Amino acid sequence: MQAIEAEFADVDEWEERYQILLELGDTLEPLPEACKDDEHRVHGCLSTVWMAFSWSDGEPPRIHVVADSDSPMVRGLLAIILRIYNGRTPAEVLSCDIRCLFQRLQLEKHLSYNRRNGLTAMIRRIQDAARQKS
């Protein structure tokens, strides 16, 4: 989380934070077109969001999430979410308070009600995958 916080540390204006979000969205690992279907869709988001999960064979297993959205802003939010959750065990995913990070980055307060609901849906989808694996 510290690396992400450092990227936003000296940025006070929302427009600059928004630009960082857009740039982060460009760093997302490509989601295979085959995963852009209803099975992988995250419902509850204003934008269209898809997520695909895989787990390492180790003990405990570690999650790997690939995701995409039709919204550049949401792609940025996804980039932050995936940087936090990828490589974590189910227990780590479930114990991570990622909402506090979005508050500290002063991002959540600039999200509309619908976008905040979408953020919650994306986080819940990853946590549900972790619950199924634990």
N, C-alpha and C. Protein backbone atom coordinates (compact mmCIF):
# COMPACT_ATOMS: atom_id res chain seq x y z
N MET A 1 0.82 -1.20 0.00
CA MET A 1 0.00 0.00 0.00
C MET A 1 0.86 1.26 0.00
N GLN A 2 2.03 1.16 0.60
CA GLN A 2 2.89 2.34 0.72
C GLN A 2 3.32 2.86 -0.66
N ALA A 3 3.58 1.95 -1.59
CA ALA A 3 4.00 2.39 -2.93
C ALA A 3 2.89 3.16 -3.62
N ILE A 4 1.67 2.71 -3.45
CA ILE A 4 0.53 3.41 -4.05
C ILE A 4 0.35 4.77 -3.38
N GLU A 5 0.43 4.79 -2.06
CA GLU A 5 0.30 6.07 -1.35
C GLU A 5 1.38 7.05 -1.78
N ALA A 6 2.58 6.56 -2.04
CA ALA A 6 3.67 7.42 -2.47
C ALA A 6 3.37 8.08 -3.81
N GLU A 7 2.68 7.36 -4.69
CA GLU A 7 2.34 7.93 -6.00
C GLU A 7 1.41 9.13 -5.89
N PHE A 8 0.60 9.15 -4.86
CA PHE A 8 -0.38 10.22 -4.66
C PHE A 8 0.07 11.24 -3.60
N ALA A 9 1.23 11.03 -2.99
CA ALA A 9 1.64 11.78 -1.81
C ALA A 9 1.66 13.29 -2.00
N ASP A 10 2.22 13.77 -3.05
CA ASP A 10 2.38 15.21 -3.23
C ASP A 10 1.33 15.81 -4.15
N VAL A 11 0.22 15.12 -4.30
CA VAL A 11 -0.83 15.56 -5.22
C VAL A 11 -2.04 16.00 -4.41
N ASP A 12 -2.37 17.28 -4.51
CA ASP A 12 -3.49 17.82 -3.74
C ASP A 12 -4.76 17.99 -4.57
N GLU A 13 -4.62 18.29 -5.83
CA GLU A 13 -5.77 18.60 -6.67
C GLU A 13 -6.40 17.33 -7.23
N TRP A 14 -7.74 17.31 -7.26
CA TRP A 14 -8.46 16.16 -7.79
C TRP A 14 -8.09 15.87 -9.24
N GLU A 15 -7.90 16.90 -10.04
CA GLU A 15 -7.58 16.69 -11.45
C GLU A 15 -6.27 15.91 -11.61
N GLU A 16 -5.31 16.20 -10.74
CA GLU A 16 -4.04 15.48 -10.79
C GLU A 16 -4.22 14.03 -10.33
N ARG A 17 -5.02 13.83 -9.31
CA ARG A 17 -5.31 12.48 -8.82
C ARG A 17 -6.02 11.67 -9.91
N TYR A 18 -6.94 12.33 -10.58
CA TYR A 18 -7.69 11.68 -11.66
C TYR A 18 -6.72 11.27 -12.78
N GLN A 19 -5.78 12.12 -13.11
CA GLN A 19 -4.79 11.81 -14.14
C GLN A 19 -3.95 10.61 -13.74
N ILE A 20 -3.56 10.52 -12.47
CA ILE A 20 -2.81 9.36 -11.99
C ILE A 20 -3.66 8.10 -12.14
N LEU A 21 -4.95 8.20 -11.80
CA LEU A 21 -5.85 7.04 -11.96
C LEU A 21 -5.87 6.57 -13.41
N LEU A 22 -6.00 7.52 -14.34
CA LEU A 22 -6.04 7.15 -15.75
C LEU A 22 -4.75 6.45 -16.17
N GLU A 23 -3.63 6.97 -15.71
CA GLU A 23 -2.34 6.36 -16.04
C GLU A 23 -2.21 4.97 -15.43
N LEU A 24 -2.69 4.80 -14.20
CA LEU A 24 -2.66 3.47 -13.58
C LEU A 24 -3.51 2.48 -14.36
N GLY A 25 -4.65 2.94 -14.85
CA GLY A 25 -5.52 2.08 -15.64
C GLY A 25 -4.84 1.53 -16.88
N ASP A 26 -3.90 2.30 -17.43
CA ASP A 26 -3.17 1.85 -18.61
C ASP A 26 -2.18 0.74 -18.30
N THR A 27 -1.92 0.48 -17.01
CA THR A 27 -0.96 -0.55 -16.62
C THR A 27 -1.61 -1.92 -16.40
N LEU A 28 -2.94 -2.00 -16.52
CA LEU A 28 -3.61 -3.28 -16.27
C LEU A 28 -3.14 -4.36 -17.23
N GLU A 29 -2.96 -5.54 -16.68
CA GLU A 29 -2.67 -6.72 -17.50
C GLU A 29 -3.89 -6.97 -18.39
N PRO A 30 -3.69 -7.29 -19.66
CA PRO A 30 -4.84 -7.50 -20.55
C PRO A 30 -5.73 -8.66 -20.09
N LEU A 31 -7.02 -8.44 -20.15
CA LEU A 31 -7.99 -9.49 -19.84
C LEU A 31 -8.35 -10.19 -21.15
N PRO A 32 -8.23 -11.51 -21.21
CA PRO A 32 -8.59 -12.20 -22.45
C PRO A 32 -10.04 -11.89 -22.86
N GLU A 33 -10.24 -11.72 -24.15
CA GLU A 33 -11.58 -11.41 -24.67
C GLU A 33 -12.60 -12.47 -24.25
N ALA A 34 -12.16 -13.71 -24.12
CA ALA A 34 -13.06 -14.80 -23.72
C ALA A 34 -13.63 -14.57 -22.33
N CYS A 35 -12.98 -13.74 -21.51
CA CYS A 35 -13.45 -13.46 -20.15
C CYS A 35 -14.40 -12.28 -20.09
N LYS A 36 -14.62 -11.64 -21.21
CA LYS A 36 -15.54 -10.50 -21.23
C LYS A 36 -16.94 -11.02 -21.54
N ASP A 37 -17.47 -11.76 -20.56
CA ASP A 37 -18.80 -12.34 -20.68
C ASP A 37 -19.54 -12.18 -19.36
N ASP A 38 -20.77 -12.63 -19.31
CA ASP A 38 -21.59 -12.42 -18.11
C ASP A 38 -21.06 -13.18 -16.90
N GLU A 39 -20.41 -14.32 -17.13
CA GLU A 39 -19.86 -15.10 -16.02
C GLU A 39 -18.79 -14.31 -15.26
N HIS A 40 -18.02 -13.51 -15.96
CA HIS A 40 -16.93 -12.75 -15.36
C HIS A 40 -17.30 -11.31 -15.03
N ARG A 41 -18.51 -10.93 -15.35
CA ARG A 41 -18.95 -9.55 -15.13
C ARG A 41 -19.20 -9.31 -13.64
N VAL A 42 -18.81 -8.13 -13.18
CA VAL A 42 -19.06 -7.73 -11.81
C VAL A 42 -20.33 -6.89 -11.82
N HIS A 43 -21.39 -7.45 -11.28
CA HIS A 43 -22.66 -6.75 -11.25
C HIS A 43 -22.68 -5.77 -10.07
N GLY A 44 -23.36 -4.66 -10.26
CA GLY A 44 -23.41 -3.64 -9.23
C GLY A 44 -22.56 -2.43 -9.57
N CYS A 45 -21.87 -2.51 -10.70
CA CYS A 45 -21.03 -1.40 -11.15
C CYS A 45 -21.78 -0.59 -12.20
N LEU A 46 -21.60 0.71 -12.14
CA LEU A 46 -22.18 1.60 -13.15
C LEU A 46 -21.58 1.30 -14.51
N SER A 47 -20.28 1.09 -14.55
CA SER A 47 -19.58 0.73 -15.77
C SER A 47 -19.56 -0.78 -15.89
N THR A 48 -19.17 -1.26 -17.05
CA THR A 48 -19.01 -2.70 -17.23
C THR A 48 -17.63 -3.10 -16.73
N VAL A 49 -17.60 -4.06 -15.83
CA VAL A 49 -16.36 -4.54 -15.23
C VAL A 49 -16.36 -6.06 -15.30
N TRP A 50 -15.20 -6.62 -15.67
CA TRP A 50 -15.04 -8.07 -15.69
C TRP A 50 -13.83 -8.43 -14.86
N MET A 51 -13.89 -9.60 -14.20
CA MET A 51 -12.76 -10.11 -13.42
C MET A 51 -12.61 -11.61 -13.65
N ALA A 52 -11.36 -12.03 -13.75
CA ALA A 52 -11.05 -13.45 -13.84
C ALA A 52 -10.02 -13.77 -12.75
N PHE A 53 -10.19 -14.92 -12.12
CA PHE A 53 -9.36 -15.31 -10.98
C PHE A 53 -8.58 -16.59 -11.29
N SER A 54 -7.38 -16.65 -10.75
CA SER A 54 -6.63 -17.90 -10.73
C SER A 54 -5.88 -17.93 -9.40
N TRP A 55 -5.45 -19.13 -9.03
CA TRP A 55 -4.76 -19.32 -7.75
C TRP A 55 -3.48 -20.10 -7.98
N SER A 56 -2.47 -19.75 -7.22
CA SER A 56 -1.20 -20.49 -7.29
C SER A 56 -1.41 -21.87 -6.68
N ASP A 57 -0.51 -22.78 -7.00
CA ASP A 57 -0.59 -24.14 -6.46
C ASP A 57 0.01 -24.27 -5.07
N GLY A 58 0.66 -23.22 -4.60
CA GLY A 58 1.34 -23.29 -3.30
C GLY A 58 0.38 -23.43 -2.14
N GLU A 59 0.96 -23.61 -0.98
CA GLU A 59 0.16 -23.71 0.24
C GLU A 59 0.64 -22.65 1.22
N PRO A 60 -0.11 -21.64 1.54
CA PRO A 60 -1.47 -21.44 1.04
C PRO A 60 -1.46 -20.89 -0.39
N PRO A 61 -2.57 -21.07 -1.10
CA PRO A 61 -2.65 -20.55 -2.45
C PRO A 61 -2.68 -19.02 -2.44
N ARG A 62 -2.22 -18.44 -3.53
CA ARG A 62 -2.22 -16.98 -3.66
C ARG A 62 -3.04 -16.60 -4.88
N ILE A 63 -3.79 -15.52 -4.73
CA ILE A 63 -4.72 -15.10 -5.77
C ILE A 63 -4.02 -14.30 -6.87
N HIS A 64 -4.53 -14.46 -8.08
CA HIS A 64 -4.14 -13.60 -9.20
C HIS A 64 -5.42 -13.19 -9.90
N VAL A 65 -5.64 -11.89 -9.98
CA VAL A 65 -6.85 -11.35 -10.60
C VAL A 65 -6.44 -10.54 -11.83
N VAL A 66 -7.17 -10.77 -12.90
CA VAL A 66 -7.04 -9.96 -14.11
C VAL A 66 -8.41 -9.33 -14.30
N ALA A 67 -8.43 -8.03 -14.60
CA ALA A 67 -9.71 -7.33 -14.70
C ALA A 67 -9.64 -6.25 -15.77
N ASP A 68 -10.82 -5.82 -16.20
CA ASP A 68 -10.92 -4.74 -17.18
C ASP A 68 -12.26 -4.05 -17.01
N SER A 69 -12.36 -2.85 -17.57
CA SER A 69 -13.59 -2.08 -17.54
C SER A 69 -13.68 -1.24 -18.81
N ASP A 70 -14.89 -0.84 -19.14
CA ASP A 70 -15.07 0.06 -20.28
C ASP A 70 -14.88 1.52 -19.87
N SER A 71 -14.60 1.78 -18.60
CA SER A 71 -14.40 3.13 -18.09
C SER A 71 -12.93 3.34 -17.72
N PRO A 72 -12.28 4.37 -18.27
CA PRO A 72 -10.89 4.63 -17.91
C PRO A 72 -10.70 4.88 -16.41
N MET A 73 -11.63 5.57 -15.78
CA MET A 73 -11.51 5.84 -14.35
C MET A 73 -11.59 4.54 -13.54
N VAL A 74 -12.52 3.70 -13.90
CA VAL A 74 -12.68 2.42 -13.20
C VAL A 74 -11.46 1.54 -13.43
N ARG A 75 -10.88 1.60 -14.61
CA ARG A 75 -9.65 0.85 -14.87
C ARG A 75 -8.56 1.28 -13.89
N GLY A 76 -8.50 2.57 -13.57
CA GLY A 76 -7.53 3.06 -12.59
C GLY A 76 -7.82 2.52 -11.21
N LEU A 77 -9.09 2.51 -10.82
CA LEU A 77 -9.47 1.95 -9.52
C LEU A 77 -9.10 0.47 -9.46
N LEU A 78 -9.37 -0.24 -10.57
CA LEU A 78 -9.01 -1.66 -10.63
C LEU A 78 -7.51 -1.86 -10.49
N ALA A 79 -6.74 -1.00 -11.12
CA ALA A 79 -5.28 -1.13 -11.02
C ALA A 79 -4.81 -1.05 -9.57
N ILE A 80 -5.41 -0.15 -8.82
CA ILE A 80 -5.06 -0.03 -7.39
C ILE A 80 -5.50 -1.29 -6.65
N ILE A 81 -6.72 -1.71 -6.86
CA ILE A 81 -7.25 -2.90 -6.19
C ILE A 81 -6.36 -4.11 -6.47
N LEU A 82 -5.99 -4.31 -7.73
CA LEU A 82 -5.20 -5.48 -8.08
C LEU A 82 -3.78 -5.41 -7.54
N ARG A 83 -3.22 -4.22 -7.45
CA ARG A 83 -1.89 -4.09 -6.86
C ARG A 83 -1.92 -4.48 -5.38
N ILE A 84 -3.03 -4.25 -4.73
CA ILE A 84 -3.15 -4.61 -3.32
C ILE A 84 -3.41 -6.10 -3.15
N TYR A 85 -4.33 -6.67 -3.93
CA TYR A 85 -4.76 -8.05 -3.69
C TYR A 85 -3.94 -9.12 -4.40
N ASN A 86 -3.39 -8.85 -5.57
CA ASN A 86 -2.67 -9.90 -6.29
C ASN A 86 -1.49 -10.40 -5.49
N GLY A 87 -1.36 -11.71 -5.46
CA GLY A 87 -0.26 -12.34 -4.73
C GLY A 87 -0.56 -12.61 -3.26
N ARG A 88 -1.77 -12.31 -2.84
CA ARG A 88 -2.13 -12.50 -1.42
C ARG A 88 -2.84 -13.84 -1.22
N THR A 89 -2.76 -14.32 0.00
CA THR A 89 -3.47 -15.54 0.39
C THR A 89 -4.93 -15.18 0.65
N PRO A 90 -5.82 -16.18 0.71
CA PRO A 90 -7.22 -15.87 1.03
C PRO A 90 -7.35 -15.12 2.36
N ALA A 91 -6.60 -15.53 3.38
CA ALA A 91 -6.69 -14.85 4.68
C ALA A 91 -6.25 -13.40 4.56
N GLU A 92 -5.20 -13.13 3.80
CA GLU A 92 -4.72 -11.76 3.61
C GLU A 92 -5.75 -10.91 2.86
N VAL A 93 -6.36 -11.49 1.85
CA VAL A 93 -7.39 -10.76 1.09
C VAL A 93 -8.52 -10.37 2.03
N LEU A 94 -8.95 -11.30 2.86
CA LEU A 94 -10.10 -11.05 3.72
C LEU A 94 -9.79 -10.10 4.87
N SER A 95 -8.53 -10.00 5.25
CA SER A 95 -8.19 -9.11 6.37
C SER A 95 -7.73 -7.72 5.91
N CYS A 96 -7.57 -7.52 4.64
CA CYS A 96 -7.06 -6.25 4.11
C CYS A 96 -8.18 -5.20 4.08
N ASP A 97 -7.95 -4.07 4.71
CA ASP A 97 -8.93 -2.98 4.74
C ASP A 97 -8.60 -1.98 3.63
N ILE A 98 -8.96 -2.35 2.42
CA ILE A 98 -8.61 -1.55 1.26
C ILE A 98 -9.42 -0.25 1.18
N ARG A 99 -10.59 -0.21 1.80
CA ARG A 99 -11.39 1.03 1.77
C ARG A 99 -10.66 2.18 2.44
N CYS A 100 -9.92 1.89 3.50
CA CYS A 100 -9.13 2.94 4.17
C CYS A 100 -8.10 3.53 3.23
N LEU A 101 -7.53 2.70 2.36
CA LEU A 101 -6.55 3.20 1.40
C LEU A 101 -7.20 4.22 0.47
N PHE A 102 -8.37 3.91 -0.05
CA PHE A 102 -9.06 4.84 -0.95
C PHE A 102 -9.42 6.14 -0.23
N GLN A 103 -9.70 6.05 1.05
CA GLN A 103 -9.98 7.27 1.82
C GLN A 103 -8.69 8.07 2.03
N ARG A 104 -7.60 7.40 2.37
CA ARG A 104 -6.33 8.10 2.56
C ARG A 104 -5.84 8.75 1.27
N LEU A 105 -6.11 8.12 0.14
CA LEU A 105 -5.71 8.67 -1.16
C LEU A 105 -6.64 9.79 -1.61
N GLN A 106 -7.68 10.04 -0.84
CA GLN A 106 -8.68 11.06 -1.15
C GLN A 106 -9.35 10.80 -2.51
N LEU A 107 -9.56 9.53 -2.79
CA LEU A 107 -10.22 9.15 -4.04
C LEU A 107 -11.70 8.90 -3.81
N GLU A 108 -12.01 8.22 -2.72
CA GLU A 108 -13.39 7.81 -2.49
C GLU A 108 -14.34 9.00 -2.40
N LYS A 109 -13.88 10.09 -1.81
CA LYS A 109 -14.77 11.25 -1.64
C LYS A 109 -15.12 11.90 -2.98
N HIS A 110 -14.37 11.61 -4.02
CA HIS A 110 -14.65 12.18 -5.34
C HIS A 110 -15.47 11.23 -6.21
N LEU A 111 -15.80 10.07 -5.67
CA LEU A 111 -16.59 9.10 -6.43
C LEU A 111 -18.07 9.35 -6.18
N SER A 112 -18.85 9.23 -7.22
CA SER A 112 -20.29 9.34 -7.07
C SER A 112 -20.81 8.16 -6.26
N TYR A 113 -22.02 8.25 -5.81
CA TYR A 113 -22.66 7.16 -5.06
C TYR A 113 -22.59 5.86 -5.86
N ASN A 114 -22.91 5.93 -7.15
CA ASN A 114 -22.89 4.73 -7.99
C ASN A 114 -21.48 4.17 -8.16
N ARG A 115 -20.49 5.04 -8.28
CA ARG A 115 -19.10 4.58 -8.39
C ARG A 115 -18.63 3.94 -7.09
N ARG A 116 -19.03 4.50 -5.95
CA ARG A 116 -18.67 3.89 -4.66
C ARG A 116 -19.31 2.51 -4.54
N ASN A 117 -20.55 2.38 -4.99
CA ASN A 117 -21.20 1.06 -4.99
C ASN A 117 -20.44 0.08 -5.87
N GLY A 118 -19.97 0.57 -7.02
CA GLY A 118 -19.19 -0.27 -7.92
C GLY A 118 -17.87 -0.69 -7.30
N LEU A 119 -17.23 0.24 -6.61
CA LEU A 119 -15.98 -0.07 -5.92
C LEU A 119 -16.22 -1.17 -4.89
N THR A 120 -17.29 -1.05 -4.14
CA THR A 120 -17.66 -2.07 -3.16
C THR A 120 -17.90 -3.41 -3.85
N ALA A 121 -18.59 -3.40 -4.99
CA ALA A 121 -18.88 -4.64 -5.71
C ALA A 121 -17.60 -5.32 -6.20
N MET A 122 -16.63 -4.52 -6.67
CA MET A 122 -15.37 -5.09 -7.15
C MET A 122 -14.60 -5.73 -5.99
N ILE A 123 -14.53 -5.03 -4.87
CA ILE A 123 -13.83 -5.55 -3.70
C ILE A 123 -14.53 -6.81 -3.19
N ARG A 124 -15.85 -6.76 -3.12
CA ARG A 124 -16.63 -7.91 -2.64
C ARG A 124 -16.40 -9.13 -3.53
N ARG A 125 -16.30 -8.92 -4.84
CA ARG A 125 -16.11 -10.04 -5.77
C ARG A 125 -14.78 -10.75 -5.47
N ILE A 126 -13.74 -9.98 -5.21
CA ILE A 126 -12.43 -10.58 -4.89
C ILE A 126 -12.49 -11.27 -3.53
N GLN A 127 -13.13 -10.63 -2.56
CA GLN A 127 -13.25 -11.25 -1.24
C GLN A 127 -14.08 -12.53 -1.30
N ASP A 128 -15.11 -12.55 -2.12
CA ASP A 128 -15.92 -13.77 -2.29
C ASP A 128 -15.07 -14.90 -2.85
N ALA A 129 -14.22 -14.58 -3.82
CA ALA A 129 -13.32 -15.60 -4.38
C ALA A 129 -12.38 -16.14 -3.29
N ALA A 130 -11.90 -15.23 -2.43
CA ALA A 130 -11.02 -15.66 -1.34
C ALA A 130 -11.77 -16.52 -0.33
N ARG A 131 -13.01 -16.17 -0.04
CA ARG A 131 -13.81 -16.97 0.90
C ARG A 131 -14.00 -18.39 0.35
N GLN A 132 -14.25 -18.49 -0.94
CA GLN A 132 -14.46 -19.83 -1.55
C GLN A 132 -13.20 -20.67 -1.50
N LYS A 133 -12.05 -20.01 -1.52
CA LYS A 133 -10.77 -20.74 -1.52
C LYS A 133 -10.28 -21.07 -0.12
N SER A 134 -10.78 -20.34 0.89
CA SER A 134 -10.28 -20.57 2.25
C SER A 134 -11.00 -21.69 2.96
